Amino acid sequence: MRCHWALPPSLRKRCFFPFAKPHSALDQTFKLLRSDNWENRMEGLNSIRRLAEFHPNVLTPKLHNICLVVVQEVQNVWSQVSCPAIPAYLSLFIQSGKLSQCLQKQSNRYQEQWYK
């Protein structure tokens, strides 16, 4: 199910639900984010948001790579991709205490890239 990042919260809840197989979903997310198709990349960013919200422990081992990919999408010249990348980054930063602490330590480095 594809969901637009700007959906109202009531509709977004129907789209953002836990994955049945979060580890497989993470592998699929990386494939989607490597795609040349911008819709696949948006779906990958939404998957990151779902993983951050429902399965933060799955993201932690690959957090560095995930952050690099999301920052790269924030810098994407296509607004259709860069706009949903920002909420994906925020989801990573906000959702989980451990994940947030880890991201806070790394985020200064990544944020410097955003403002260049």
N, C-alpha and C. Protein backbone atom coordinates (compact mmCIF):
# COMPACT_ATOMS: atom_id res chain seq x y z
N MET A 1 0.83 -1.17 0.00
CA MET A 1 0.00 0.00 0.00
C MET A 1 0.88 1.24 0.00
N ARG A 2 0.68 2.13 -0.96
CA ARG A 2 1.46 3.35 -1.03
C ARG A 2 0.70 4.47 -0.34
N CYS A 3 1.43 5.24 0.42
CA CYS A 3 0.81 6.34 1.13
C CYS A 3 1.60 7.60 0.89
N HIS A 4 0.92 8.68 0.67
CA HIS A 4 1.56 9.96 0.49
C HIS A 4 1.96 10.50 1.84
N TRP A 5 3.12 11.10 1.93
CA TRP A 5 3.66 11.58 3.21
C TRP A 5 2.82 12.69 3.81
N ALA A 6 2.03 13.38 3.02
CA ALA A 6 1.27 14.52 3.53
C ALA A 6 -0.18 14.18 3.86
N LEU A 7 -0.49 12.92 3.98
CA LEU A 7 -1.85 12.55 4.34
C LEU A 7 -2.21 13.06 5.73
N PRO A 8 -3.48 13.37 5.96
CA PRO A 8 -3.90 13.74 7.31
C PRO A 8 -3.64 12.58 8.27
N PRO A 9 -3.40 12.88 9.55
CA PRO A 9 -3.07 11.82 10.52
C PRO A 9 -4.08 10.69 10.57
N SER A 10 -5.37 10.98 10.42
CA SER A 10 -6.37 9.92 10.49
C SER A 10 -6.21 8.92 9.34
N LEU A 11 -5.87 9.40 8.14
CA LEU A 11 -5.65 8.50 7.01
C LEU A 11 -4.28 7.85 7.08
N ARG A 12 -3.30 8.57 7.60
CA ARG A 12 -1.95 8.05 7.69
C ARG A 12 -1.90 6.82 8.59
N LYS A 13 -2.72 6.79 9.64
CA LYS A 13 -2.72 5.65 10.56
C LYS A 13 -3.12 4.37 9.84
N ARG A 14 -3.98 4.48 8.84
CA ARG A 14 -4.39 3.30 8.09
C ARG A 14 -3.26 2.78 7.21
N CYS A 15 -2.34 3.66 6.85
CA CYS A 15 -1.24 3.29 5.96
C CYS A 15 0.00 2.86 6.73
N PHE A 16 0.19 3.38 7.92
CA PHE A 16 1.38 3.09 8.70
C PHE A 16 1.05 2.06 9.76
N PHE A 17 1.44 0.84 9.50
CA PHE A 17 1.17 -0.27 10.40
C PHE A 17 2.43 -1.13 10.45
N PRO A 18 2.57 -1.98 11.45
CA PRO A 18 3.78 -2.80 11.57
C PRO A 18 3.94 -3.76 10.39
N PHE A 19 5.19 -4.07 10.10
CA PHE A 19 5.49 -5.09 9.08
C PHE A 19 5.37 -6.47 9.70
N ALA A 20 4.91 -7.43 8.93
CA ALA A 20 4.87 -8.82 9.40
C ALA A 20 6.28 -9.38 9.52
N LYS A 21 7.16 -9.01 8.59
CA LYS A 21 8.55 -9.45 8.59
C LYS A 21 9.46 -8.23 8.47
N PRO A 22 9.77 -7.58 9.57
CA PRO A 22 10.52 -6.32 9.51
C PRO A 22 11.92 -6.43 8.91
N HIS A 23 12.62 -7.54 9.13
CA HIS A 23 13.96 -7.68 8.55
C HIS A 23 13.88 -7.76 7.02
N SER A 24 12.92 -8.49 6.52
CA SER A 24 12.71 -8.55 5.07
C SER A 24 12.28 -7.18 4.54
N ALA A 25 11.47 -6.49 5.31
CA ALA A 25 11.02 -5.15 4.90
C ALA A 25 12.19 -4.19 4.80
N LEU A 26 13.16 -4.31 5.71
CA LEU A 26 14.33 -3.44 5.64
C LEU A 26 15.13 -3.71 4.37
N ASP A 27 15.32 -4.97 4.04
CA ASP A 27 16.02 -5.31 2.79
C ASP A 27 15.27 -4.76 1.58
N GLN A 28 13.95 -4.92 1.58
CA GLN A 28 13.14 -4.39 0.48
C GLN A 28 13.20 -2.87 0.43
N THR A 29 13.28 -2.24 1.58
CA THR A 29 13.37 -0.77 1.65
C THR A 29 14.63 -0.28 0.96
N PHE A 30 15.75 -0.93 1.21
CA PHE A 30 16.99 -0.53 0.54
C PHE A 30 16.88 -0.70 -0.97
N LYS A 31 16.23 -1.77 -1.42
CA LYS A 31 16.02 -1.97 -2.86
C LYS A 31 15.17 -0.84 -3.44
N LEU A 32 14.11 -0.48 -2.72
CA LEU A 32 13.24 0.60 -3.19
C LEU A 32 13.99 1.92 -3.27
N LEU A 33 14.83 2.18 -2.30
CA LEU A 33 15.56 3.45 -2.28
C LEU A 33 16.66 3.51 -3.34
N ARG A 34 17.10 2.37 -3.84
CA ARG A 34 18.10 2.35 -4.92
C ARG A 34 17.44 2.45 -6.30
N SER A 35 16.14 2.40 -6.34
CA SER A 35 15.41 2.42 -7.60
C SER A 35 15.53 3.77 -8.30
N ASP A 36 15.44 3.75 -9.61
CA ASP A 36 15.40 4.99 -10.39
C ASP A 36 13.99 5.58 -10.41
N ASN A 37 13.01 4.81 -10.03
CA ASN A 37 11.62 5.25 -10.04
C ASN A 37 11.33 6.05 -8.76
N TRP A 38 10.90 7.29 -8.91
CA TRP A 38 10.70 8.15 -7.74
C TRP A 38 9.58 7.64 -6.84
N GLU A 39 8.58 6.96 -7.41
CA GLU A 39 7.50 6.42 -6.59
C GLU A 39 8.01 5.29 -5.68
N ASN A 40 8.92 4.49 -6.21
CA ASN A 40 9.52 3.44 -5.38
C ASN A 40 10.34 4.05 -4.25
N ARG A 41 11.04 5.13 -4.55
CA ARG A 41 11.84 5.79 -3.52
C ARG A 41 10.95 6.38 -2.43
N MET A 42 9.81 6.94 -2.82
CA MET A 42 8.86 7.46 -1.83
C MET A 42 8.34 6.32 -0.96
N GLU A 43 8.05 5.19 -1.58
CA GLU A 43 7.59 4.03 -0.82
C GLU A 43 8.67 3.56 0.15
N GLY A 44 9.92 3.59 -0.29
CA GLY A 44 11.03 3.23 0.59
C GLY A 44 11.15 4.17 1.77
N LEU A 45 10.95 5.46 1.55
CA LEU A 45 11.00 6.44 2.64
C LEU A 45 9.85 6.22 3.62
N ASN A 46 8.68 5.90 3.11
CA ASN A 46 7.56 5.59 4.00
C ASN A 46 7.83 4.31 4.79
N SER A 47 8.52 3.36 4.17
CA SER A 47 8.88 2.14 4.89
C SER A 47 9.84 2.44 6.03
N ILE A 48 10.76 3.36 5.81
CA ILE A 48 11.67 3.76 6.89
C ILE A 48 10.88 4.35 8.04
N ARG A 49 9.89 5.15 7.73
CA ARG A 49 9.05 5.72 8.79
C ARG A 49 8.33 4.63 9.56
N ARG A 50 7.79 3.65 8.85
CA ARG A 50 7.09 2.53 9.52
C ARG A 50 8.06 1.72 10.37
N LEU A 51 9.24 1.46 9.84
CA LEU A 51 10.23 0.71 10.61
C LEU A 51 10.66 1.48 11.85
N ALA A 52 10.84 2.78 11.72
CA ALA A 52 11.24 3.60 12.87
C ALA A 52 10.16 3.60 13.94
N GLU A 53 8.91 3.62 13.51
CA GLU A 53 7.82 3.68 14.47
C GLU A 53 7.54 2.34 15.13
N PHE A 54 7.56 1.27 14.35
CA PHE A 54 7.13 -0.03 14.87
C PHE A 54 8.26 -1.02 15.13
N HIS A 55 9.41 -0.83 14.49
CA HIS A 55 10.50 -1.81 14.60
C HIS A 55 11.86 -1.10 14.73
N PRO A 56 12.04 -0.20 15.67
CA PRO A 56 13.32 0.54 15.75
C PRO A 56 14.52 -0.36 15.97
N ASN A 57 14.34 -1.49 16.62
CA ASN A 57 15.46 -2.41 16.86
C ASN A 57 16.02 -2.98 15.57
N VAL A 58 15.20 -3.05 14.52
CA VAL A 58 15.65 -3.56 13.23
C VAL A 58 16.54 -2.52 12.54
N LEU A 59 16.28 -1.25 12.78
CA LEU A 59 17.04 -0.18 12.14
C LEU A 59 18.41 0.04 12.78
N THR A 60 18.51 -0.19 14.07
CA THR A 60 19.71 0.17 14.81
C THR A 60 21.01 -0.37 14.20
N PRO A 61 21.11 -1.66 13.82
CA PRO A 61 22.38 -2.15 13.27
C PRO A 61 22.79 -1.48 11.95
N LYS A 62 21.83 -0.99 11.20
CA LYS A 62 22.14 -0.37 9.90
C LYS A 62 21.84 1.13 9.91
N LEU A 63 21.85 1.70 11.09
CA LEU A 63 21.44 3.09 11.24
C LEU A 63 22.30 4.05 10.43
N HIS A 64 23.58 3.83 10.41
CA HIS A 64 24.47 4.73 9.67
C HIS A 64 24.09 4.77 8.20
N ASN A 65 23.93 3.59 7.58
CA ASN A 65 23.56 3.53 6.16
C ASN A 65 22.19 4.13 5.91
N ILE A 66 21.26 3.88 6.81
CA ILE A 66 19.91 4.43 6.65
C ILE A 66 19.95 5.95 6.69
N CYS A 67 20.68 6.50 7.64
CA CYS A 67 20.78 7.96 7.73
C CYS A 67 21.41 8.55 6.47
N LEU A 68 22.45 7.91 5.95
CA LEU A 68 23.08 8.41 4.73
C LEU A 68 22.10 8.43 3.56
N VAL A 69 21.32 7.36 3.44
CA VAL A 69 20.35 7.27 2.35
C VAL A 69 19.28 8.35 2.50
N VAL A 70 18.77 8.53 3.71
CA VAL A 70 17.71 9.52 3.92
C VAL A 70 18.24 10.93 3.67
N VAL A 71 19.44 11.23 4.14
CA VAL A 71 20.02 12.55 3.89
C VAL A 71 20.21 12.78 2.40
N GLN A 72 20.63 11.75 1.69
CA GLN A 72 20.78 11.86 0.24
C GLN A 72 19.44 12.19 -0.41
N GLU A 73 18.37 11.58 0.07
CA GLU A 73 17.05 11.85 -0.50
C GLU A 73 16.56 13.25 -0.13
N VAL A 74 16.93 13.73 1.04
CA VAL A 74 16.57 15.11 1.41
C VAL A 74 17.19 16.08 0.42
N GLN A 75 18.38 15.77 -0.04
CA GLN A 75 19.10 16.65 -0.98
C GLN A 75 18.66 16.43 -2.43
N ASN A 76 17.79 15.50 -2.67
CA ASN A 76 17.33 15.20 -4.01
C ASN A 76 16.65 16.42 -4.62
N VAL A 77 16.97 16.71 -5.88
CA VAL A 77 16.39 17.88 -6.54
C VAL A 77 14.92 17.70 -6.88
N TRP A 78 14.43 16.48 -6.87
CA TRP A 78 13.02 16.23 -7.13
C TRP A 78 12.26 16.41 -5.82
N SER A 79 11.37 17.37 -5.78
CA SER A 79 10.64 17.63 -4.54
C SER A 79 9.73 16.46 -4.16
N GLN A 80 9.30 15.67 -5.15
CA GLN A 80 8.45 14.52 -4.84
C GLN A 80 9.19 13.53 -3.95
N VAL A 81 10.50 13.51 -4.02
CA VAL A 81 11.29 12.60 -3.21
C VAL A 81 11.85 13.30 -1.98
N SER A 82 12.31 14.53 -2.13
CA SER A 82 12.93 15.22 -0.99
C SER A 82 11.91 15.57 0.09
N CYS A 83 10.69 15.89 -0.29
CA CYS A 83 9.68 16.24 0.72
C CYS A 83 9.35 15.08 1.65
N PRO A 84 9.12 13.87 1.18
CA PRO A 84 8.86 12.78 2.13
C PRO A 84 10.12 12.32 2.86
N ALA A 85 11.30 12.71 2.39
CA ALA A 85 12.54 12.33 3.08
C ALA A 85 12.66 13.04 4.42
N ILE A 86 12.16 14.26 4.50
CA ILE A 86 12.25 15.02 5.75
C ILE A 86 11.43 14.36 6.86
N PRO A 87 10.15 14.01 6.63
CA PRO A 87 9.43 13.28 7.68
C PRO A 87 10.05 11.93 8.00
N ALA A 88 10.68 11.28 7.02
CA ALA A 88 11.36 10.01 7.30
C ALA A 88 12.50 10.23 8.28
N TYR A 89 13.27 11.28 8.05
CA TYR A 89 14.36 11.60 8.97
C TYR A 89 13.81 11.94 10.36
N LEU A 90 12.76 12.73 10.39
CA LEU A 90 12.15 13.08 11.68
C LEU A 90 11.62 11.85 12.40
N SER A 91 11.04 10.92 11.66
CA SER A 91 10.56 9.68 12.28
C SER A 91 11.71 8.91 12.90
N LEU A 92 12.82 8.86 12.19
CA LEU A 92 13.99 8.19 12.74
C LEU A 92 14.44 8.87 14.03
N PHE A 93 14.38 10.17 14.02
CA PHE A 93 14.89 10.94 15.15
C PHE A 93 13.98 10.89 16.36
N ILE A 94 12.68 10.84 16.14
CA ILE A 94 11.71 11.00 17.22
C ILE A 94 11.24 9.68 17.83
N GLN A 95 11.02 8.66 17.04
CA GLN A 95 10.21 7.52 17.46
C GLN A 95 10.73 6.74 18.66
N SER A 96 12.00 6.46 18.70
CA SER A 96 12.50 5.56 19.74
C SER A 96 13.56 6.24 20.58
N GLY A 97 13.55 6.01 21.86
CA GLY A 97 14.54 6.60 22.75
C GLY A 97 15.95 6.20 22.37
N LYS A 98 16.22 4.91 22.23
CA LYS A 98 17.56 4.46 21.88
C LYS A 98 17.95 4.95 20.50
N LEU A 99 17.03 4.85 19.57
CA LEU A 99 17.30 5.30 18.22
C LEU A 99 17.55 6.80 18.21
N SER A 100 16.76 7.54 18.98
CA SER A 100 16.94 8.99 19.05
C SER A 100 18.31 9.34 19.62
N GLN A 101 18.71 8.66 20.67
CA GLN A 101 20.01 8.95 21.27
C GLN A 101 21.13 8.68 20.28
N CYS A 102 21.02 7.59 19.57
CA CYS A 102 22.03 7.25 18.58
C CYS A 102 22.04 8.29 17.46
N LEU A 103 20.86 8.66 17.01
CA LEU A 103 20.77 9.64 15.94
C LEU A 103 21.25 11.01 16.38
N GLN A 104 20.97 11.40 17.61
CA GLN A 104 21.42 12.70 18.08
C GLN A 104 22.93 12.81 18.00
N LYS A 105 23.62 11.74 18.31
CA LYS A 105 25.08 11.76 18.25
C LYS A 105 25.57 11.88 16.81
N GLN A 106 24.85 11.25 15.89
CA GLN A 106 25.27 11.25 14.49
C GLN A 106 24.69 12.41 13.69
N SER A 107 23.60 12.99 14.16
CA SER A 107 22.84 13.93 13.33
C SER A 107 23.59 15.22 13.03
N ASN A 108 24.43 15.68 13.91
CA ASN A 108 25.16 16.92 13.64
C ASN A 108 25.96 16.79 12.35
N ARG A 109 26.59 15.65 12.18
CA ARG A 109 27.37 15.41 10.98
C ARG A 109 26.48 15.43 9.74
N TYR A 110 25.31 14.77 9.84
CA TYR A 110 24.40 14.69 8.70
C TYR A 110 23.73 16.03 8.43
N GLN A 111 23.38 16.75 9.47
CA GLN A 111 22.71 18.03 9.29
C GLN A 111 23.62 19.04 8.60
N GLU A 112 24.91 18.96 8.86
CA GLU A 112 25.84 19.85 8.17
C GLU A 112 25.76 19.66 6.66
N GLN A 113 25.54 18.42 6.23
CA GLN A 113 25.40 18.14 4.81
C GLN A 113 24.14 18.79 4.24
N TRP A 114 23.08 18.84 5.04
CA TRP A 114 21.81 19.40 4.56
C TRP A 114 21.94 20.88 4.26
N TYR A 115 22.70 21.60 5.09
CA TYR A 115 22.75 23.05 4.99
C TYR A 115 23.82 23.54 4.04
N LYS A 116 24.54 22.66 3.41
CA LYS A 116 25.56 23.09 2.43
C LYS A 116 24.93 23.48 1.13
